[in-house]
């Protein structure tokens, strides 16, 4: 994300996921989340991968944000930016980015949180 980018509204960001998903960056998603939510580390399962609270926080934030905003699986994957587009899609046999790879296989049916991870800022 360039320093020229200004704050984007939540609605505009979600629209961007539909209209220009290939331009979404992981850093932009983290900014949108931090500008709109308080984060509390949470334990979550993603397929057969257990993520303890305080680990894989980017994935935790994205998955919880996506659930709160009823994002599709494709919109959710777009939120991972280059990690999804470059590291995973361009290397389908890789073993990095386990949360992205598990989500691609299992989708929303296997993502479960043990507690609340994001609460809207007031």
PDB file of N, CA and C in Angstrom:
ATOM      1  N   UNK A   1       0.849  -1.162   0.000  1.00  0.00           N
ATOM      2  CA  UNK A   1       0.000   0.000   0.000  1.00  0.00           C
ATOM      3  C   UNK A   1       0.895   1.225   0.000  1.00  0.00           C
ATOM      4  N   UNK A   2       0.599   2.161  -0.855  1.00  0.00           N
ATOM      5  CA  UNK A   2       1.420   3.363  -0.919  1.00  0.00           C
ATOM      6  C   UNK A   2       1.006   4.340   0.165  1.00  0.00           C
ATOM      7  N   UNK A   3       1.913   5.245   0.481  1.00  0.00           N
ATOM      8  CA  UNK A   3       1.603   6.253   1.493  1.00  0.00           C
ATOM      9  C   UNK A   3       0.625   7.283   0.957  1.00  0.00           C
ATOM     10  N   UNK A   4       0.350   7.249  -0.340  1.00  0.00           N
ATOM     11  CA  UNK A   4      -0.589   8.183  -0.953  1.00  0.00           C
ATOM     12  C   UNK A   4      -2.043   7.770  -0.714  1.00  0.00           C
ATOM     13  N   UNK A   5      -2.268   6.506  -0.382  1.00  0.00           N
ATOM     14  CA  UNK A   5      -3.631   6.038  -0.194  1.00  0.00           C
ATOM     15  C   UNK A   5      -4.232   6.654   1.060  1.00  0.00           C
ATOM     16  N   UNK A   6      -5.484   7.050   0.941  1.00  0.00           N
ATOM     17  CA  UNK A   6      -6.188   7.618   2.083  1.00  0.00           C
ATOM     18  C   UNK A   6      -7.087   6.545   2.669  1.00  0.00           C
ATOM     19  N   UNK A   7      -7.606   6.834   3.831  1.00  0.00           N
ATOM     20  CA  UNK A   7      -8.503   5.883   4.474  1.00  0.00           C
ATOM     21  C   UNK A   7      -9.669   5.574   3.546  1.00  0.00           C
ATOM     22  N   UNK A   8     -10.030   4.322   3.487  1.00  0.00           N
ATOM     23  CA  UNK A   8     -11.120   3.864   2.645  1.00  0.00           C
ATOM     24  C   UNK A   8     -12.254   3.414   3.566  1.00  0.00           C
ATOM     25  N   UNK A   9     -13.476   3.705   3.169  1.00  0.00           N
ATOM     26  CA  UNK A   9     -14.596   3.275   3.998  1.00  0.00           C
ATOM     27  C   UNK A   9     -14.764   1.767   3.886  1.00  0.00           C
ATOM     28  N   UNK A  10     -15.400   1.212   4.872  1.00  0.00           N
ATOM     29  CA  UNK A  10     -15.651  -0.221   4.878  1.00  0.00           C
ATOM     30  C   UNK A  10     -16.461  -0.628   3.649  1.00  0.00           C
ATOM     31  N   UNK A  11     -17.484   0.137   3.333  1.00  0.00           N
ATOM     32  CA  UNK A  11     -18.328  -0.157   2.168  1.00  0.00           C
ATOM     33  C   UNK A  11     -17.524  -0.097   0.882  1.00  0.00           C
ATOM     34  N   UNK A  12     -16.698   0.936   0.731  1.00  0.00           N
ATOM     35  CA  UNK A  12     -15.873   1.056  -0.473  1.00  0.00           C
ATOM     36  C   UNK A  12     -14.896  -0.109  -0.588  1.00  0.00           C
ATOM     37  N   UNK A  13     -14.338  -0.516   0.540  1.00  0.00           N
ATOM     38  CA  UNK A  13     -13.398  -1.632   0.509  1.00  0.00           C
ATOM     39  C   UNK A  13     -14.093  -2.917   0.067  1.00  0.00           C
ATOM     40  N   UNK A  14     -15.251  -3.201   0.616  1.00  0.00           N
ATOM     41  CA  UNK A  14     -15.979  -4.418   0.240  1.00  0.00           C
ATOM     42  C   UNK A  14     -16.362  -4.365  -1.235  1.00  0.00           C
ATOM     43  N   UNK A  15     -16.731  -3.193  -1.720  1.00  0.00           N
ATOM     44  CA  UNK A  15     -17.011  -3.044  -3.152  1.00  0.00           C
ATOM     45  C   UNK A  15     -15.760  -3.325  -3.981  1.00  0.00           C
ATOM     46  N   UNK A  16     -14.600  -2.903  -3.490  1.00  0.00           N
ATOM     47  CA  UNK A  16     -13.342  -3.149  -4.197  1.00  0.00           C
ATOM     48  C   UNK A  16     -13.062  -4.646  -4.302  1.00  0.00           C
ATOM     49  N   UNK A  17     -13.463  -5.406  -3.308  1.00  0.00           N
ATOM     50  CA  UNK A  17     -13.272  -6.856  -3.358  1.00  0.00           C
ATOM     51  C   UNK A  17     -14.025  -7.470  -4.531  1.00  0.00           C
ATOM     52  N   UNK A  18     -15.125  -6.843  -4.933  1.00  0.00           N
ATOM     53  CA  UNK A  18     -15.896  -7.334  -6.075  1.00  0.00           C
ATOM     54  C   UNK A  18     -15.381  -6.788  -7.397  1.00  0.00           C
ATOM     55  N   UNK A  19     -14.996  -5.518  -7.404  1.00  0.00           N
ATOM     56  CA  UNK A  19     -14.670  -4.861  -8.671  1.00  0.00           C
ATOM     57  C   UNK A  19     -13.192  -4.893  -9.035  1.00  0.00           C
ATOM     58  N   UNK A  20     -12.315  -5.013  -8.048  1.00  0.00           N
ATOM     59  CA  UNK A  20     -10.887  -4.876  -8.313  1.00  0.00           C
ATOM     60  C   UNK A  20     -10.077  -5.706  -7.315  1.00  0.00           C
ATOM     61  N   UNK A  21     -10.483  -6.941  -7.106  1.00  0.00           N
ATOM     62  CA  UNK A  21      -9.881  -7.783  -6.066  1.00  0.00           C
ATOM     63  C   UNK A  21      -8.389  -7.993  -6.263  1.00  0.00           C
ATOM     64  N   UNK A  22      -7.938  -8.020  -7.500  1.00  0.00           N
ATOM     65  CA  UNK A  22      -6.515  -8.274  -7.750  1.00  0.00           C
ATOM     66  C   UNK A  22      -5.619  -7.135  -7.287  1.00  0.00           C
ATOM     67  N   UNK A  23      -6.207  -5.997  -6.963  1.00  0.00           N
ATOM     68  CA  UNK A  23      -5.438  -4.858  -6.465  1.00  0.00           C
ATOM     69  C   UNK A  23      -5.463  -4.747  -4.941  1.00  0.00           C
ATOM     70  N   UNK A  24      -6.217  -5.598  -4.282  1.00  0.00           N
ATOM     71  CA  UNK A  24      -6.309  -5.557  -2.822  1.00  0.00           C
ATOM     72  C   UNK A  24      -5.003  -6.076  -2.228  1.00  0.00           C
ATOM     73  N   UNK A  25      -4.475  -5.348  -1.261  1.00  0.00           N
ATOM     74  CA  UNK A  25      -3.247  -5.785  -0.594  1.00  0.00           C
ATOM     75  C   UNK A  25      -3.558  -6.213   0.837  1.00  0.00           C
ATOM     76  N   UNK A  26      -2.760  -7.130   1.329  1.00  0.00           N
ATOM     77  CA  UNK A  26      -2.879  -7.583   2.709  1.00  0.00           C
ATOM     78  C   UNK A  26      -2.779  -6.395   3.661  1.00  0.00           C
ATOM     79  N   UNK A  27      -1.843  -5.488   3.377  1.00  0.00           N
ATOM     80  CA  UNK A  27      -1.640  -4.318   4.233  1.00  0.00           C
ATOM     81  C   UNK A  27      -2.871  -3.418   4.247  1.00  0.00           C
ATOM     82  N   UNK A  28      -3.517  -3.279   3.112  1.00  0.00           N
ATOM     83  CA  UNK A  28      -4.739  -2.475   3.035  1.00  0.00           C
ATOM     84  C   UNK A  28      -5.832  -3.105   3.894  1.00  0.00           C
ATOM     85  N   UNK A  29      -5.946  -4.408   3.842  1.00  0.00           N
ATOM     86  CA  UNK A  29      -6.952  -5.109   4.636  1.00  0.00           C
ATOM     87  C   UNK A  29      -6.682  -4.904   6.124  1.00  0.00           C
ATOM     88  N   UNK A  30      -5.428  -5.030   6.529  1.00  0.00           N
ATOM     89  CA  UNK A  30      -5.081  -4.815   7.937  1.00  0.00           C
ATOM     90  C   UNK A  30      -5.427  -3.387   8.362  1.00  0.00           C
ATOM     91  N   UNK A  31      -5.223  -2.419   7.474  1.00  0.00           N
ATOM     92  CA  UNK A  31      -5.561  -1.033   7.789  1.00  0.00           C
ATOM     93  C   UNK A  31      -7.069  -0.860   7.939  1.00  0.00           C
ATOM     94  N   UNK A  32      -7.830  -1.403   7.009  1.00  0.00           N
ATOM     95  CA  UNK A  32      -9.294  -1.300   7.081  1.00  0.00           C
ATOM     96  C   UNK A  32      -9.796  -1.925   8.382  1.00  0.00           C
ATOM     97  N   UNK A  33      -9.253  -3.070   8.739  1.00  0.00           N
ATOM     98  CA  UNK A  33      -9.677  -3.732   9.972  1.00  0.00           C
ATOM     99  C   UNK A  33      -9.325  -2.877  11.184  1.00  0.00           C
ATOM    100  N   UNK A  34      -8.101  -2.375  11.244  1.00  0.00           N
ATOM    101  CA  UNK A  34      -7.691  -1.593  12.425  1.00  0.00           C
ATOM    102  C   UNK A  34      -8.445  -0.278  12.539  1.00  0.00           C
ATOM    103  N   UNK A  35      -8.910   0.261  11.420  1.00  0.00           N
ATOM    104  CA  UNK A  35      -9.663   1.514  11.451  1.00  0.00           C
ATOM    105  C   UNK A  35     -11.125   1.316  11.825  1.00  0.00           C
ATOM    106  N   UNK A  36     -11.593   0.067  11.782  1.00  0.00           N
ATOM    107  CA  UNK A  36     -13.011  -0.188  12.025  1.00  0.00           C
ATOM    108  C   UNK A  36     -13.310  -1.129  13.190  1.00  0.00           C
ATOM    109  N   UNK A  37     -12.275  -1.807  13.709  1.00  0.00           N
ATOM    110  CA  UNK A  37     -12.511  -2.820  14.737  1.00  0.00           C
ATOM    111  C   UNK A  37     -11.423  -2.808  15.802  1.00  0.00           C
ATOM    112  N   UNK A  38     -11.802  -3.239  17.001  1.00  0.00           N
ATOM    113  CA  UNK A  38     -10.842  -3.591  18.046  1.00  0.00           C
ATOM    114  C   UNK A  38     -10.538  -5.065  17.868  1.00  0.00           C
ATOM    115  N   UNK A  39      -9.278  -5.424  18.005  1.00  0.00           N
ATOM    116  CA  UNK A  39      -8.866  -6.815  17.844  1.00  0.00           C
ATOM    117  C   UNK A  39      -8.548  -7.440  19.191  1.00  0.00           C
ATOM    118  N   UNK A  40      -9.067  -8.634  19.396  1.00  0.00           N
ATOM    119  CA  UNK A  40      -8.764  -9.447  20.572  1.00  0.00           C
ATOM    120  C   UNK A  40      -8.268 -10.796  20.069  1.00  0.00           C
ATOM    121  N   UNK A  41      -7.037 -11.188  20.380  1.00  0.00           N
ATOM    122  CA  UNK A  41      -6.540 -12.480  19.909  1.00  0.00           C
ATOM    123  C   UNK A  41      -7.509 -13.607  20.278  1.00  0.00           C
ATOM    124  N   UNK A  42      -7.734 -14.499  19.329  1.00  0.00           N
ATOM    125  CA  UNK A  42      -8.687 -15.586  19.530  1.00  0.00           C
ATOM    126  C   UNK A  42      -8.130 -16.875  18.940  1.00  0.00           C
ATOM    127  N   UNK A  43      -8.445 -17.979  19.584  1.00  0.00           N
ATOM    128  CA  UNK A  43      -8.116 -19.293  19.048  1.00  0.00           C
ATOM    129  C   UNK A  43      -9.145 -19.632  17.979  1.00  0.00           C
ATOM    130  N   UNK A  44      -8.670 -20.183  16.856  1.00  0.00           N
ATOM    131  CA  UNK A  44      -9.612 -20.611  15.825  1.00  0.00           C
ATOM    132  C   UNK A  44      -9.090 -21.842  15.098  1.00  0.00           C
ATOM    133  N   UNK A  45     -10.030 -22.607  14.584  1.00  0.00           N
ATOM    134  CA  UNK A  45      -9.729 -23.777  13.761  1.00  0.00           C
ATOM    135  C   UNK A  45     -10.025 -23.441  12.313  1.00  0.00           C
ATOM    136  N   UNK A  46      -9.192 -23.947  11.437  1.00  0.00           N
ATOM    137  CA  UNK A  46      -9.380 -23.791   9.996  1.00  0.00           C
ATOM    138  C   UNK A  46      -9.044 -25.141   9.387  1.00  0.00           C
ATOM    139  N   UNK A  47     -10.078 -25.917   9.113  1.00  0.00           N
ATOM    140  CA  UNK A  47      -9.831 -27.284   8.682  1.00  0.00           C
ATOM    141  C   UNK A  47      -9.163 -28.040   9.818  1.00  0.00           C
ATOM    142  N   UNK A  48      -8.070 -28.716   9.526  1.00  0.00           N
ATOM    143  CA  UNK A  48      -7.364 -29.466  10.571  1.00  0.00           C
ATOM    144  C   UNK A  48      -6.264 -28.643  11.233  1.00  0.00           C
ATOM    145  N   UNK A  49      -6.239 -27.354  10.979  1.00  0.00           N
ATOM    146  CA  UNK A  49      -5.211 -26.469  11.528  1.00  0.00           C
ATOM    147  C   UNK A  49      -5.762 -25.696  12.723  1.00  0.00           C
ATOM    148  N   UNK A  50      -5.154 -25.914  13.897  1.00  0.00           N
ATOM    149  CA  UNK A  50      -5.527 -25.182  15.107  1.00  0.00           C
ATOM    150  C   UNK A  50      -4.599 -23.985  15.245  1.00  0.00           C
ATOM    151  N   UNK A  51      -5.174 -22.798  15.367  1.00  0.00           N
ATOM    152  CA  UNK A  51      -4.416 -21.561  15.538  1.00  0.00           C
ATOM    153  C   UNK A  51      -4.689 -21.036  16.936  1.00  0.00           C
ATOM    154  N   UNK A  52      -3.697 -21.115  17.802  1.00  0.00           N
ATOM    155  CA  UNK A  52      -3.851 -20.616  19.168  1.00  0.00           C
ATOM    156  C   UNK A  52      -3.948 -19.094  19.159  1.00  0.00           C
ATOM    157  N   UNK A  53      -4.637 -18.543  20.145  1.00  0.00           N
ATOM    158  CA  UNK A  53      -4.758 -17.088  20.282  1.00  0.00           C
ATOM    159  C   UNK A  53      -3.370 -16.464  20.267  1.00  0.00           C
ATOM    160  N   UNK A  54      -3.214 -15.404  19.489  1.00  0.00           N
ATOM    161  CA  UNK A  54      -1.936 -14.713  19.396  1.00  0.00           C
ATOM    162  C   UNK A  54      -1.028 -15.227  18.295  1.00  0.00           C
ATOM    163  N   UNK A  55      -1.433 -16.293  17.608  1.00  0.00           N
ATOM    164  CA  UNK A  55      -0.661 -16.794  16.470  1.00  0.00           C
ATOM    165  C   UNK A  55      -1.458 -16.560  15.198  1.00  0.00           C
ATOM    166  N   UNK A  56      -0.775 -16.441  14.096  1.00  0.00           N
ATOM    167  CA  UNK A  56      -1.431 -16.240  12.799  1.00  0.00           C
ATOM    168  C   UNK A  56      -2.503 -15.156  12.885  1.00  0.00           C
ATOM    169  N   UNK A  57      -2.117 -14.025  13.461  1.00  0.00           N
ATOM    170  CA  UNK A  57      -3.089 -12.967  13.726  1.00  0.00           C
ATOM    171  C   UNK A  57      -3.657 -12.348  12.456  1.00  0.00           C
ATOM    172  N   UNK A  58      -2.882 -12.287  11.388  1.00  0.00           N
ATOM    173  CA  UNK A  58      -3.417 -11.774  10.129  1.00  0.00           C
ATOM    174  C   UNK A  58      -4.560 -12.638   9.639  1.00  0.00           C
ATOM    175  N   UNK A  59      -4.373 -13.946   9.682  1.00  0.00           N
ATOM    176  CA  UNK A  59      -5.434 -14.875   9.284  1.00  0.00           C
ATOM    177  C   UNK A  59      -6.634 -14.750  10.207  1.00  0.00           C
ATOM    178  N   UNK A  60      -6.382 -14.643  11.497  1.00  0.00           N
ATOM    179  CA  UNK A  60      -7.461 -14.500  12.469  1.00  0.00           C
ATOM    180  C   UNK A  60      -8.303 -13.271  12.139  1.00  0.00           C
ATOM    181  N   UNK A  61      -7.636 -12.158  11.922  1.00  0.00           N
ATOM    182  CA  UNK A  61      -8.343 -10.909  11.621  1.00  0.00           C
ATOM    183  C   UNK A  61      -9.133 -11.026  10.324  1.00  0.00           C
ATOM    184  N   UNK A  62      -8.511 -11.565   9.286  1.00  0.00           N
ATOM    185  CA  UNK A  62      -9.194 -11.665   7.991  1.00  0.00           C
ATOM    186  C   UNK A  62     -10.400 -12.582   8.079  1.00  0.00           C
ATOM    187  N   UNK A  63     -10.240 -13.760   8.652  1.00  0.00           N
ATOM    188  CA  UNK A  63     -11.374 -14.684   8.714  1.00  0.00           C
ATOM    189  C   UNK A  63     -12.516 -14.115   9.552  1.00  0.00           C
ATOM    190  N   UNK A  64     -12.194 -13.485  10.676  1.00  0.00           N
ATOM    191  CA  UNK A  64     -13.264 -12.939  11.510  1.00  0.00           C
ATOM    192  C   UNK A  64     -13.932 -11.755  10.815  1.00  0.00           C
ATOM    193  N   UNK A  65     -13.136 -10.891  10.210  1.00  0.00           N
ATOM    194  CA  UNK A  65     -13.658  -9.760   9.438  1.00  0.00           C
ATOM    195  C   UNK A  65     -14.578 -10.265   8.324  1.00  0.00           C
ATOM    196  N   UNK A  66     -14.150 -11.281   7.624  1.00  0.00           N
ATOM    197  CA  UNK A  66     -14.937 -11.826   6.522  1.00  0.00           C
ATOM    198  C   UNK A  66     -16.255 -12.406   7.015  1.00  0.00           C
ATOM    199  N   UNK A  67     -16.224 -13.091   8.151  1.00  0.00           N
ATOM    200  CA  UNK A  67     -17.473 -13.628   8.709  1.00  0.00           C
ATOM    201  C   UNK A  67     -18.421 -12.503   9.110  1.00  0.00           C
ATOM    202  N   UNK A  68     -17.875 -11.471   9.762  1.00  0.00           N
ATOM    203  CA  UNK A  68     -18.715 -10.349  10.190  1.00  0.00           C
ATOM    204  C   UNK A  68     -19.381  -9.647   9.018  1.00  0.00           C
ATOM    205  N   UNK A  69     -18.693  -9.624   7.888  1.00  0.00           N
ATOM    206  CA  UNK A  69     -19.181  -8.883   6.731  1.00  0.00           C
ATOM    207  C   UNK A  69     -19.737  -9.783   5.634  1.00  0.00           C
ATOM    208  N   UNK A  70     -19.996 -11.035   5.965  1.00  0.00           N
ATOM    209  CA  UNK A  70     -20.593 -12.000   5.032  1.00  0.00           C
ATOM    210  C   UNK A  70     -19.866 -12.069   3.697  1.00  0.00           C
ATOM    211  N   UNK A  71     -18.535 -12.083   3.750  1.00  0.00           N
ATOM    212  CA  UNK A  71     -17.763 -12.171   2.515  1.00  0.00           C
ATOM    213  C   UNK A  71     -17.808 -13.593   1.966  1.00  0.00           C
ATOM    214  N   UNK A  72     -17.784 -13.693   0.661  1.00  0.00           N
ATOM    215  CA  UNK A  72     -17.709 -15.001   0.015  1.00  0.00           C
ATOM    216  C   UNK A  72     -16.313 -15.588   0.224  1.00  0.00           C
ATOM    217  N   UNK A  73     -16.164 -16.839  -0.121  1.00  0.00           N
ATOM    218  CA  UNK A  73     -14.844 -17.454  -0.011  1.00  0.00           C
ATOM    219  C   UNK A  73     -13.844 -16.744  -0.920  1.00  0.00           C
ATOM    220  N   UNK A  74     -14.256 -16.381  -2.132  1.00  0.00           N
ATOM    221  CA  UNK A  74     -13.338 -15.706  -3.053  1.00  0.00           C
ATOM    222  C   UNK A  74     -12.966 -14.314  -2.542  1.00  0.00           C
ATOM    223  N   UNK A  75     -13.925 -13.579  -2.006  1.00  0.00           N
ATOM    224  CA  UNK A  75     -13.622 -12.265  -1.429  1.00  0.00           C
ATOM    225  C   UNK A  75     -12.645 -12.416  -0.261  1.00  0.00           C
ATOM    226  N   UNK A  76     -12.857 -13.446   0.540  1.00  0.00           N
ATOM    227  CA  UNK A  76     -11.987 -13.690   1.690  1.00  0.00           C
ATOM    228  C   UNK A  76     -10.565 -13.995   1.237  1.00  0.00           C
ATOM    229  N   UNK A  77     -10.414 -14.834   0.249  1.00  0.00           N
ATOM    230  CA  UNK A  77      -9.079 -15.144  -0.266  1.00  0.00           C
ATOM    231  C   UNK A  77      -8.403 -13.896  -0.816  1.00  0.00           C
ATOM    232  N   UNK A  78      -9.161 -13.031  -1.469  1.00  0.00           N
ATOM    233  CA  UNK A  78      -8.599 -11.789  -2.006  1.00  0.00           C
ATOM    234  C   UNK A  78      -8.014 -10.926  -0.894  1.00  0.00           C
ATOM    235  N   UNK A  79      -8.558 -11.022   0.309  1.00  0.00           N
ATOM    236  CA  UNK A  79      -8.061 -10.228   1.438  1.00  0.00           C
ATOM    237  C   UNK A  79      -6.621 -10.583   1.811  1.00  0.00           C
ATOM    238  N   UNK A  80      -6.159 -11.752   1.432  1.00  0.00           N
ATOM    239  CA  UNK A  80      -4.783 -12.142   1.727  1.00  0.00           C
ATOM    240  C   UNK A  80      -3.785 -11.535   0.735  1.00  0.00           C
ATOM    241  N   UNK A  81      -4.290 -10.832  -0.272  1.00  0.00           N
ATOM    242  CA  UNK A  81      -3.434 -10.119  -1.206  1.00  0.00           C
ATOM    243  C   UNK A  81      -2.394 -11.000  -1.865  1.00  0.00           C
ATOM    244  N   UNK A  82      -1.153 -10.512  -1.875  1.00  0.00           N
ATOM    245  CA  UNK A  82      -0.061 -11.214  -2.570  1.00  0.00           C
ATOM    246  C   UNK A  82       0.212 -12.589  -1.975  1.00  0.00           C
ATOM    247  N   UNK A  83      -0.081 -12.790  -0.698  1.00  0.00           N
ATOM    248  CA  UNK A  83       0.157 -14.107  -0.100  1.00  0.00           C
ATOM    249  C   UNK A  83      -0.705 -15.162  -0.790  1.00  0.00           C
ATOM    250  N   UNK A  84      -1.932 -14.791  -1.139  1.00  0.00           N
ATOM    251  CA  UNK A  84      -2.815 -15.699  -1.875  1.00  0.00           C
ATOM    252  C   UNK A  84      -2.434 -15.737  -3.354  1.00  0.00           C
ATOM    253  N   UNK A  85      -2.397 -14.565  -3.982  1.00  0.00           N
ATOM    254  CA  UNK A  85      -2.196 -14.504  -5.436  1.00  0.00           C
ATOM    255  C   UNK A  85      -0.830 -15.013  -5.877  1.00  0.00           C
ATOM    256  N   UNK A  86       0.221 -14.657  -5.164  1.00  0.00           N
ATOM    257  CA  UNK A  86       1.578 -15.009  -5.593  1.00  0.00           C
ATOM    258  C   UNK A  86       2.083 -16.289  -4.931  1.00  0.00           C
ATOM    259  N   UNK A  87       2.005 -16.351  -3.608  1.00  0.00           N
ATOM    260  CA  UNK A  87       2.611 -17.472  -2.886  1.00  0.00           C
ATOM    261  C   UNK A  87       1.817 -18.770  -3.008  1.00  0.00           C
ATOM    262  N   UNK A  88       0.490 -18.673  -3.021  1.00  0.00           N
ATOM    263  CA  UNK A  88      -0.331 -19.888  -3.023  1.00  0.00           C
ATOM    264  C   UNK A  88      -0.788 -20.254  -4.434  1.00  0.00           C
ATOM    265  N   UNK A  89      -1.432 -19.337  -5.134  1.00  0.00           N
ATOM    266  CA  UNK A  89      -1.940 -19.646  -6.476  1.00  0.00           C
ATOM    267  C   UNK A  89      -0.795 -20.006  -7.421  1.00  0.00           C
ATOM    268  N   UNK A  90       0.302 -19.286  -7.334  1.00  0.00           N
ATOM    269  CA  UNK A  90       1.436 -19.553  -8.222  1.00  0.00           C
ATOM    270  C   UNK A  90       2.276 -20.746  -7.787  1.00  0.00           C
ATOM    271  N   UNK A  91       1.983 -21.310  -6.626  1.00  0.00           N
ATOM    272  CA  UNK A  91       2.718 -22.472  -6.128  1.00  0.00           C
ATOM    273  C   UNK A  91       1.732 -23.440  -5.468  1.00  0.00           C
ATOM    274  N   UNK A  92       0.867 -24.058  -6.273  1.00  0.00           N
ATOM    275  CA  UNK A  92      -0.202 -24.883  -5.696  1.00  0.00           C
ATOM    276  C   UNK A  92       0.290 -26.088  -4.897  1.00  0.00           C
ATOM    277  N   UNK A  93       1.495 -26.548  -5.136  1.00  0.00           N
ATOM    278  CA  UNK A  93       2.019 -27.706  -4.407  1.00  0.00           C
ATOM    279  C   UNK A  93       2.786 -27.307  -3.148  1.00  0.00           C
ATOM    280  N   UNK A  94       2.868 -26.007  -2.864  1.00  0.00           N
ATOM    281  CA  UNK A  94       3.623 -25.526  -1.710  1.00  0.00           C
ATOM    282  C   UNK A  94       2.990 -25.937  -0.395  1.00  0.00           C
ATOM    283  N   UNK A  95       3.736 -25.710   0.679  1.00  0.00           N
ATOM    284  CA  UNK A  95       3.202 -26.038   2.001  1.00  0.00           C
ATOM    285  C   UNK A  95       3.225 -24.830   2.930  1.00  0.00           C
ATOM    286  N   UNK A  96       3.452 -23.643   2.369  1.00  0.00           N
ATOM    287  CA  UNK A  96       3.402 -22.419   3.171  1.00  0.00           C
ATOM    288  C   UNK A  96       1.958 -21.915   3.233  1.00  0.00           C
ATOM    289  N   UNK A  97       1.715 -20.946   4.068  1.00  0.00           N
ATOM    290  CA  UNK A  97       0.396 -20.315   4.192  1.00  0.00           C
ATOM    291  C   UNK A  97      -0.716 -21.354   4.406  1.00  0.00           C
ATOM    292  N   UNK A  98      -0.535 -22.146   5.450  1.00  0.00           N
ATOM    293  CA  UNK A  98      -1.478 -23.225   5.737  1.00  0.00           C
ATOM    294  C   UNK A  98      -2.913 -22.772   5.897  1.00  0.00           C
ATOM    295  N   UNK A  99      -3.134 -21.598   6.477  1.00  0.00           N
ATOM    296  CA  UNK A  99      -4.511 -21.137   6.645  1.00  0.00           C
ATOM    297  C   UNK A  99      -5.176 -20.848   5.307  1.00  0.00           C
ATOM    298  N   UNK A 100      -4.440 -20.265   4.384  1.00  0.00           N
ATOM    299  CA  UNK A 100      -5.005 -19.993   3.058  1.00  0.00           C
ATOM    300  C   UNK A 100      -5.289 -21.310   2.348  1.00  0.00           C
ATOM    301  N   UNK A 101      -4.331 -22.204   2.367  1.00  0.00           N
ATOM    302  CA  UNK A 101      -4.490 -23.485   1.668  1.00  0.00           C
ATOM    303  C   UNK A 101      -5.633 -24.315   2.271  1.00  0.00           C
ATOM    304  N   UNK A 102      -5.740 -24.356   3.590  1.00  0.00           N
ATOM    305  CA  UNK A 102      -6.848 -25.090   4.222  1.00  0.00           C
ATOM    306  C   UNK A 102      -8.187 -24.471   3.856  1.00  0.00           C
ATOM    307  N   UNK A 103      -8.251 -23.139   3.862  1.00  0.00           N
ATOM    308  CA  UNK A 103      -9.503 -22.462   3.531  1.00  0.00           C
ATOM    309  C   UNK A 103      -9.906 -22.748   2.084  1.00  0.00           C
ATOM    310  N   UNK A 104      -8.947 -22.816   1.188  1.00  0.00           N
ATOM    311  CA  UNK A 104      -9.256 -23.128  -0.209  1.00  0.00           C
ATOM    312  C   UNK A 104      -9.877 -24.516  -0.326  1.00  0.00           C
ATOM    313  N   UNK A 105      -9.465 -25.449   0.521  1.00  0.00           N
ATOM    314  CA  UNK A 105      -9.992 -26.813   0.480  1.00  0.00           C
ATOM    315  C   UNK A 105     -11.305 -26.960   1.233  1.00  0.00           C
ATOM    316  N   UNK A 106     -11.399 -26.332   2.396  1.00  0.00           N
ATOM    317  CA  UNK A 106     -12.532 -26.578   3.291  1.00  0.00           C
ATOM    318  C   UNK A 106     -13.574 -25.478   3.299  1.00  0.00           C
ATOM    319  N   UNK A 107     -13.175 -24.261   2.963  1.00  0.00           N
ATOM    320  CA  UNK A 107     -14.113 -23.145   2.966  1.00  0.00           C
ATOM    321  C   UNK A 107     -14.624 -22.812   4.353  1.00  0.00           C
ATOM    322  N   UNK A 108     -15.738 -22.101   4.364  1.00  0.00           N
ATOM    323  CA  UNK A 108     -16.300 -21.615   5.625  1.00  0.00           C
ATOM    324  C   UNK A 108     -16.766 -22.726   6.548  1.00  0.00           C
ATOM    325  N   UNK A 109     -17.087 -23.886   6.002  1.00  0.00           N
ATOM    326  CA  UNK A 109     -17.638 -24.956   6.843  1.00  0.00           C
ATOM    327  C   UNK A 109     -16.662 -25.436   7.913  1.00  0.00           C
ATOM    328  N   UNK A 110     -15.377 -25.170   7.744  1.00  0.00           N
ATOM    329  CA  UNK A 110     -14.375 -25.661   8.693  1.00  0.00           C
ATOM    330  C   UNK A 110     -13.668 -24.550   9.465  1.00  0.00           C
ATOM    331  N   UNK A 111     -14.169 -23.309   9.393  1.00  0.00           N
ATOM    332  CA  UNK A 111     -13.576 -22.204  10.153  1.00  0.00           C
ATOM    333  C   UNK A 111     -14.436 -21.963  11.384  1.00  0.00           C
ATOM    334  N   UNK A 112     -13.836 -22.127  12.561  1.00  0.00           N
ATOM    335  CA  UNK A 112     -14.562 -21.943  13.820  1.00  0.00           C
ATOM    336  C   UNK A 112     -13.704 -21.164  14.800  1.00  0.00           C
ATOM    337  N   UNK A 113     -14.317 -20.177  15.435  1.00  0.00           N
ATOM    338  CA  UNK A 113     -13.639 -19.364  16.446  1.00  0.00           C
ATOM    339  C   UNK A 113     -14.123 -19.760  17.829  1.00  0.00           C
ATOM    340  N   UNK A 114     -13.211 -19.733  18.809  1.00  0.00           N
ATOM    341  CA  UNK A 114     -13.568 -20.045  20.190  1.00  0.00           C
ATOM    342  C   UNK A 114     -14.032 -18.823  20.961  1.00  0.00           C
ATOM    343  N   UNK A 115     -13.794 -17.627  20.397  1.00  0.00           N
ATOM    344  CA  UNK A 115     -14.213 -16.388  21.054  1.00  0.00           C
ATOM    345  C   UNK A 115     -14.291 -15.279  20.012  1.00  0.00           C
ATOM    346  N   UNK A 116     -14.743 -14.130  20.443  1.00  0.00           N
ATOM    347  CA  UNK A 116     -14.854 -12.958  19.570  1.00  0.00           C
ATOM    348  C   UNK A 116     -13.457 -12.404  19.306  1.00  0.00           C
ATOM    349  N   UNK A 117     -13.142 -12.143  18.033  1.00  0.00           N
ATOM    350  CA  UNK A 117     -11.831 -11.598  17.674  1.00  0.00           C
ATOM    351  C   UNK A 117     -11.894 -10.115  17.310  1.00  0.00           C
ATOM    352  N   UNK A 118     -13.014  -9.663  16.774  1.00  0.00           N
ATOM    353  CA  UNK A 118     -13.154  -8.262  16.372  1.00  0.00           C
ATOM    354  C   UNK A 118     -14.464  -7.700  16.892  1.00  0.00           C
ATOM    355  N   UNK A 119     -14.383  -6.497  17.429  1.00  0.00           N
ATOM    356  CA  UNK A 119     -15.590  -5.768  17.816  1.00  0.00           C
ATOM    357  C   UNK A 119     -15.538  -4.403  17.149  1.00  0.00           C
ATOM    358  N   UNK A 120     -16.664  -3.922  16.643  1.00  0.00           N
ATOM    359  CA  UNK A 120     -16.668  -2.628  15.958  1.00  0.00           C
ATOM    360  C   UNK A 120     -16.231  -1.500  16.887  1.00  0.00           C
ATOM    361  N   UNK A 121     -15.459  -0.574  16.331  1.00  0.00           N
ATOM    362  CA  UNK A 121     -15.101   0.627  17.086  1.00  0.00           C
ATOM    363  C   UNK A 121     -16.349   1.464  17.281  1.00  0.00           C
ATOM    364  N   UNK A 122     -16.433   2.134  18.396  1.00  0.00           N
ATOM    365  CA  UNK A 122     -17.611   2.968  18.644  1.00  0.00           C
ATOM    366  C   UNK A 122     -17.262   4.431  18.560  1.00  0.00           C
TER     367      UNK A 122
END
